Amino acid sequence: MGGSGSKSKGFWPFSGSGSVDDPTKDGNEQSLARVRSFPGATPFVFTRRSSKFFDEDGDLAHEFYEETIVTKNGRKKAKLKRIHKNLTPQGIIKLDHPCIHVDFPVVLCEA
């Protein structure tokens, strides 16, 4: 289900500087050290892209449907037709609680 993980080898933005003398290389010590080239990199995610959309009226939802009347053999039947046009994405939203990034390489709990 994920699909957002990093596929590149040897680059972990949360593991340290990446030098040979780095104590995180041996696997025994794992730290939350920040990368020197990315001083603002943390293992936490504070924002995400929303899956909701605004319609023309300003309503916010995951999906929008329009009721259409279909006449078949003299009988009227109501059907729902999904709307795909004139929808604006909500954009980036702030998370209530920070989450841990999917590429964070540390085991959090061993049971």
N, C-alpha and C. Protein backbone atom coordinates (compact mmCIF):
# COMPACT_ATOMS: atom_id res chain seq x y z
N MET A 1 0.80 -1.19 0.00
CA MET A 1 0.00 0.00 0.00
C MET A 1 0.85 1.26 0.00
N GLY A 2 1.99 1.31 0.68
CA GLY A 2 2.77 2.53 0.85
C GLY A 2 3.13 3.19 -0.47
N GLY A 3 4.25 2.83 -1.03
CA GLY A 3 4.64 3.36 -2.32
C GLY A 3 5.35 4.69 -2.24
N SER A 4 5.45 5.29 -1.04
CA SER A 4 6.11 6.59 -0.97
C SER A 4 7.51 6.47 -0.40
N GLY A 5 8.02 5.26 -0.25
CA GLY A 5 9.36 5.07 0.30
C GLY A 5 10.44 5.37 -0.73
N SER A 6 11.64 5.57 -0.21
CA SER A 6 12.76 5.89 -1.08
C SER A 6 13.36 4.61 -1.64
N LYS A 7 13.64 4.59 -2.94
CA LYS A 7 14.22 3.41 -3.57
C LYS A 7 15.73 3.56 -3.81
N SER A 8 16.28 4.73 -3.54
CA SER A 8 17.70 4.94 -3.78
C SER A 8 18.52 4.27 -2.69
N LYS A 9 19.70 3.74 -3.05
CA LYS A 9 20.53 3.03 -2.09
C LYS A 9 21.58 3.98 -1.51
N GLY A 10 21.84 3.82 -0.23
CA GLY A 10 22.93 4.54 0.41
C GLY A 10 22.61 5.95 0.83
N PHE A 11 21.42 6.44 0.61
CA PHE A 11 21.10 7.80 1.03
C PHE A 11 19.91 7.77 1.96
N TRP A 12 20.15 8.02 3.22
CA TRP A 12 19.10 8.15 4.21
C TRP A 12 19.21 9.55 4.77
N PRO A 13 18.20 10.36 4.59
CA PRO A 13 18.31 11.75 5.03
C PRO A 13 18.34 11.90 6.54
N PHE A 14 18.10 10.82 7.31
CA PHE A 14 18.03 10.94 8.76
C PHE A 14 19.15 10.20 9.47
N SER A 15 20.07 9.57 8.75
CA SER A 15 21.01 8.67 9.40
C SER A 15 22.33 9.30 9.79
N GLY A 16 22.65 10.47 9.37
CA GLY A 16 23.92 11.09 9.72
C GLY A 16 24.58 11.65 8.49
N SER A 17 25.88 11.92 8.60
CA SER A 17 26.59 12.60 7.52
C SER A 17 26.92 11.68 6.36
N GLY A 18 26.98 10.37 6.59
CA GLY A 18 27.29 9.44 5.52
C GLY A 18 28.77 9.19 5.34
N SER A 19 29.62 9.69 6.24
CA SER A 19 31.05 9.47 6.13
C SER A 19 31.40 8.08 6.65
N VAL A 20 32.64 7.62 6.37
CA VAL A 20 33.07 6.29 6.77
C VAL A 20 33.22 6.21 8.29
N ASP A 21 33.60 7.30 8.94
CA ASP A 21 33.81 7.31 10.38
C ASP A 21 32.51 7.48 11.16
N ASP A 22 31.41 7.49 10.49
CA ASP A 22 30.11 7.73 11.12
C ASP A 22 29.74 6.55 12.01
N PRO A 23 29.43 6.77 13.31
CA PRO A 23 29.09 5.64 14.20
C PRO A 23 27.75 4.99 13.85
N THR A 24 26.93 5.61 13.04
CA THR A 24 25.66 4.99 12.67
C THR A 24 25.84 3.95 11.58
N LYS A 25 27.04 3.84 10.97
CA LYS A 25 27.28 2.90 9.89
C LYS A 25 27.34 1.45 10.37
N ASP A 26 27.80 1.20 11.63
CA ASP A 26 28.00 -0.18 12.05
C ASP A 26 26.71 -0.89 12.40
N GLY A 27 25.61 -0.19 12.53
CA GLY A 27 24.33 -0.83 12.77
C GLY A 27 24.00 -1.00 14.23
N ASN A 28 25.01 -0.93 15.13
CA ASN A 28 24.74 -1.08 16.55
C ASN A 28 24.18 0.19 17.16
N GLU A 29 24.66 1.31 16.70
CA GLU A 29 24.19 2.58 17.22
C GLU A 29 23.36 3.27 16.15
N GLN A 30 22.17 3.63 16.52
CA GLN A 30 21.32 4.39 15.62
C GLN A 30 20.90 5.64 16.36
N SER A 31 21.00 6.76 15.69
CA SER A 31 20.69 8.02 16.37
C SER A 31 19.73 8.83 15.54
N LEU A 32 19.22 9.86 16.17
CA LEU A 32 18.35 10.80 15.49
C LEU A 32 19.16 12.00 15.02
N ALA A 33 20.41 11.76 14.66
CA ALA A 33 21.29 12.85 14.25
C ALA A 33 20.78 13.51 12.98
N ARG A 34 20.99 14.79 12.91
CA ARG A 34 20.59 15.53 11.71
C ARG A 34 21.74 15.51 10.71
N VAL A 35 21.40 15.51 9.46
CA VAL A 35 22.38 15.49 8.40
C VAL A 35 23.01 16.87 8.29
N ARG A 36 24.33 16.90 8.09
CA ARG A 36 25.00 18.20 7.99
C ARG A 36 24.56 18.97 6.75
N SER A 37 24.29 18.26 5.66
CA SER A 37 23.87 18.94 4.44
C SER A 37 22.41 19.36 4.50
N PHE A 38 21.61 18.73 5.38
CA PHE A 38 20.21 19.09 5.57
C PHE A 38 20.00 19.43 7.04
N PRO A 39 20.34 20.64 7.46
CA PRO A 39 20.27 20.95 8.88
C PRO A 39 18.84 20.95 9.43
N GLY A 40 17.84 21.11 8.58
CA GLY A 40 16.47 21.13 9.04
C GLY A 40 15.77 19.79 8.93
N ALA A 41 16.48 18.72 8.56
CA ALA A 41 15.85 17.42 8.35
C ALA A 41 15.56 16.77 9.69
N THR A 42 14.32 16.35 9.89
CA THR A 42 13.92 15.63 11.09
C THR A 42 13.21 14.36 10.66
N PRO A 43 13.07 13.39 11.55
CA PRO A 43 12.35 12.16 11.19
C PRO A 43 10.84 12.34 11.23
N PHE A 44 10.37 13.55 11.49
CA PHE A 44 8.94 13.77 11.64
C PHE A 44 8.34 14.47 10.43
N VAL A 45 7.08 14.19 10.17
CA VAL A 45 6.33 14.82 9.09
C VAL A 45 5.25 15.66 9.73
N PHE A 46 5.20 16.95 9.38
CA PHE A 46 4.25 17.88 9.98
C PHE A 46 3.10 18.25 9.05
N THR A 47 3.28 18.05 7.74
CA THR A 47 2.23 18.39 6.78
C THR A 47 2.05 17.24 5.80
N ARG A 48 0.93 17.26 5.10
CA ARG A 48 0.67 16.26 4.06
C ARG A 48 -0.27 16.87 3.03
N ARG A 49 -0.34 16.24 1.86
CA ARG A 49 -1.25 16.68 0.82
C ARG A 49 -2.63 16.10 1.10
N SER A 50 -3.64 16.94 1.05
CA SER A 50 -5.00 16.51 1.35
C SER A 50 -5.59 15.75 0.16
N SER A 51 -6.50 14.84 0.45
CA SER A 51 -7.19 14.08 -0.59
C SER A 51 -8.59 14.64 -0.86
N LYS A 52 -8.89 15.79 -0.27
CA LYS A 52 -10.21 16.40 -0.45
C LYS A 52 -10.17 17.49 -1.51
N PHE A 53 -11.36 17.83 -2.02
CA PHE A 53 -11.50 18.83 -3.08
C PHE A 53 -12.60 19.82 -2.72
N PHE A 54 -12.47 21.05 -3.25
CA PHE A 54 -13.53 22.05 -3.18
C PHE A 54 -14.28 22.04 -4.50
N ASP A 55 -15.61 22.18 -4.45
CA ASP A 55 -16.38 22.30 -5.68
C ASP A 55 -16.69 23.76 -5.95
N GLU A 56 -17.54 24.03 -6.92
CA GLU A 56 -17.86 25.40 -7.32
C GLU A 56 -18.54 26.19 -6.21
N ASP A 57 -19.28 25.49 -5.34
CA ASP A 57 -20.01 26.16 -4.26
C ASP A 57 -19.16 26.36 -3.01
N GLY A 58 -17.95 25.80 -3.00
CA GLY A 58 -17.09 25.92 -1.83
C GLY A 58 -17.24 24.77 -0.85
N ASP A 59 -17.97 23.73 -1.23
CA ASP A 59 -18.12 22.56 -0.37
C ASP A 59 -16.85 21.72 -0.44
N LEU A 60 -16.50 21.08 0.67
CA LEU A 60 -15.29 20.28 0.77
C LEU A 60 -15.66 18.81 0.96
N ALA A 61 -15.12 17.94 0.09
CA ALA A 61 -15.41 16.50 0.20
C ALA A 61 -14.38 15.70 -0.60
N HIS A 62 -14.39 14.38 -0.38
CA HIS A 62 -13.50 13.49 -1.14
C HIS A 62 -14.03 13.28 -2.55
N GLU A 63 -15.34 13.15 -2.70
CA GLU A 63 -15.97 12.91 -4.01
C GLU A 63 -17.25 13.74 -4.09
N PHE A 64 -17.60 14.11 -5.32
CA PHE A 64 -18.84 14.84 -5.54
C PHE A 64 -19.69 14.10 -6.57
N TYR A 65 -21.00 14.07 -6.33
CA TYR A 65 -21.93 13.39 -7.22
C TYR A 65 -23.07 14.33 -7.59
N GLU A 66 -23.61 14.11 -8.78
CA GLU A 66 -24.74 14.89 -9.26
C GLU A 66 -25.88 13.90 -9.57
N GLU A 67 -27.08 14.25 -9.12
CA GLU A 67 -28.22 13.38 -9.37
C GLU A 67 -28.78 13.67 -10.75
N THR A 68 -28.93 12.63 -11.58
CA THR A 68 -29.49 12.76 -12.91
C THR A 68 -30.70 11.85 -13.03
N ILE A 69 -31.67 12.29 -13.80
CA ILE A 69 -32.89 11.50 -14.03
C ILE A 69 -32.76 10.80 -15.37
N VAL A 70 -32.90 9.48 -15.35
CA VAL A 70 -32.81 8.67 -16.55
C VAL A 70 -34.19 8.09 -16.83
N THR A 71 -34.67 8.31 -18.06
CA THR A 71 -35.97 7.75 -18.45
C THR A 71 -35.73 6.52 -19.31
N LYS A 72 -36.25 5.38 -18.86
CA LYS A 72 -36.07 4.13 -19.59
C LYS A 72 -37.41 3.40 -19.60
N ASN A 73 -37.93 3.14 -20.79
CA ASN A 73 -39.22 2.46 -20.96
C ASN A 73 -40.35 3.22 -20.25
N GLY A 74 -40.29 4.53 -20.29
CA GLY A 74 -41.34 5.33 -19.68
C GLY A 74 -41.22 5.48 -18.18
N ARG A 75 -40.21 4.89 -17.58
CA ARG A 75 -40.03 5.00 -16.13
C ARG A 75 -38.87 5.94 -15.84
N LYS A 76 -39.06 6.78 -14.87
CA LYS A 76 -37.99 7.71 -14.46
C LYS A 76 -37.20 7.07 -13.32
N LYS A 77 -35.90 7.12 -13.46
CA LYS A 77 -35.03 6.55 -12.44
C LYS A 77 -33.91 7.55 -12.14
N ALA A 78 -33.64 7.78 -10.87
CA ALA A 78 -32.59 8.71 -10.47
C ALA A 78 -31.27 7.95 -10.35
N LYS A 79 -30.23 8.51 -10.92
CA LYS A 79 -28.89 7.93 -10.83
C LYS A 79 -27.92 9.00 -10.35
N LEU A 80 -26.85 8.56 -9.72
CA LEU A 80 -25.81 9.47 -9.28
C LEU A 80 -24.64 9.41 -10.27
N LYS A 81 -24.22 10.58 -10.74
CA LYS A 81 -23.11 10.69 -11.68
C LYS A 81 -21.97 11.42 -10.98
N ARG A 82 -20.80 10.84 -11.00
CA ARG A 82 -19.66 11.45 -10.33
C ARG A 82 -19.14 12.65 -11.12
N ILE A 83 -18.83 13.72 -10.39
CA ILE A 83 -18.33 14.95 -11.00
C ILE A 83 -16.81 14.94 -10.94
N HIS A 84 -16.15 15.19 -12.08
CA HIS A 84 -14.69 15.26 -12.16
C HIS A 84 -14.19 16.64 -12.53
N LYS A 85 -15.07 17.49 -13.05
CA LYS A 85 -14.65 18.80 -13.54
C LYS A 85 -14.93 19.89 -12.52
N ASN A 86 -14.20 20.97 -12.63
CA ASN A 86 -14.35 22.16 -11.78
C ASN A 86 -14.14 21.85 -10.30
N LEU A 87 -13.21 20.96 -9.99
CA LEU A 87 -12.86 20.66 -8.61
C LEU A 87 -11.46 21.20 -8.34
N THR A 88 -11.28 21.81 -7.18
CA THR A 88 -10.00 22.38 -6.79
C THR A 88 -9.46 21.60 -5.59
N PRO A 89 -8.21 21.10 -5.65
CA PRO A 89 -7.66 20.37 -4.50
C PRO A 89 -7.53 21.27 -3.28
N GLN A 90 -7.67 20.68 -2.11
CA GLN A 90 -7.56 21.45 -0.87
C GLN A 90 -6.13 21.92 -0.66
N GLY A 91 -5.14 21.12 -1.07
CA GLY A 91 -3.74 21.52 -0.94
C GLY A 91 -3.06 20.86 0.23
N ILE A 92 -2.05 21.54 0.76
CA ILE A 92 -1.25 21.02 1.87
C ILE A 92 -1.95 21.38 3.17
N ILE A 93 -2.10 20.36 4.06
CA ILE A 93 -2.71 20.62 5.35
C ILE A 93 -1.74 20.25 6.46
N LYS A 94 -1.88 20.90 7.60
CA LYS A 94 -1.02 20.64 8.75
C LYS A 94 -1.61 19.49 9.55
N LEU A 95 -0.77 18.55 9.96
CA LEU A 95 -1.22 17.42 10.77
C LEU A 95 -1.40 17.84 12.21
N ASP A 96 -2.41 17.27 12.89
CA ASP A 96 -2.62 17.57 14.30
C ASP A 96 -1.47 17.05 15.15
N HIS A 97 -1.02 15.84 14.83
CA HIS A 97 0.09 15.21 15.54
C HIS A 97 1.15 14.84 14.51
N PRO A 98 2.42 15.16 14.75
CA PRO A 98 3.46 14.79 13.79
C PRO A 98 3.56 13.27 13.64
N CYS A 99 3.86 12.82 12.43
CA CYS A 99 4.04 11.40 12.14
C CYS A 99 5.51 11.15 11.84
N ILE A 100 5.93 9.90 11.94
CA ILE A 100 7.31 9.54 11.61
C ILE A 100 7.39 9.26 10.12
N HIS A 101 8.43 9.77 9.48
CA HIS A 101 8.63 9.62 8.04
C HIS A 101 8.80 8.15 7.67
N VAL A 102 8.28 7.74 6.50
CA VAL A 102 8.34 6.34 6.09
C VAL A 102 9.77 5.87 5.84
N ASP A 103 10.69 6.77 5.55
CA ASP A 103 12.08 6.39 5.30
C ASP A 103 12.94 6.42 6.56
N PHE A 104 12.35 6.57 7.72
CA PHE A 104 13.10 6.62 8.97
C PHE A 104 13.63 5.23 9.28
N PRO A 105 14.97 5.05 9.36
CA PRO A 105 15.56 3.72 9.40
C PRO A 105 15.72 3.09 10.79
N VAL A 106 15.13 3.61 11.84
CA VAL A 106 15.35 3.10 13.18
C VAL A 106 14.18 2.22 13.61
N VAL A 107 14.48 1.10 14.25
CA VAL A 107 13.45 0.23 14.82
C VAL A 107 12.93 0.92 16.09
N LEU A 108 11.62 1.18 16.16
CA LEU A 108 11.06 1.90 17.28
C LEU A 108 10.71 0.99 18.44
N CYS A 109 10.30 -0.24 18.15
CA CYS A 109 9.86 -1.16 19.20
C CYS A 109 10.20 -2.59 18.79
N GLU A 110 10.85 -3.30 19.67
CA GLU A 110 11.09 -4.73 19.44
C GLU A 110 10.30 -5.50 20.47
N ALA A 111 9.41 -6.34 20.00
CA ALA A 111 8.56 -7.09 20.95
C ALA A 111 9.03 -8.52 21.06
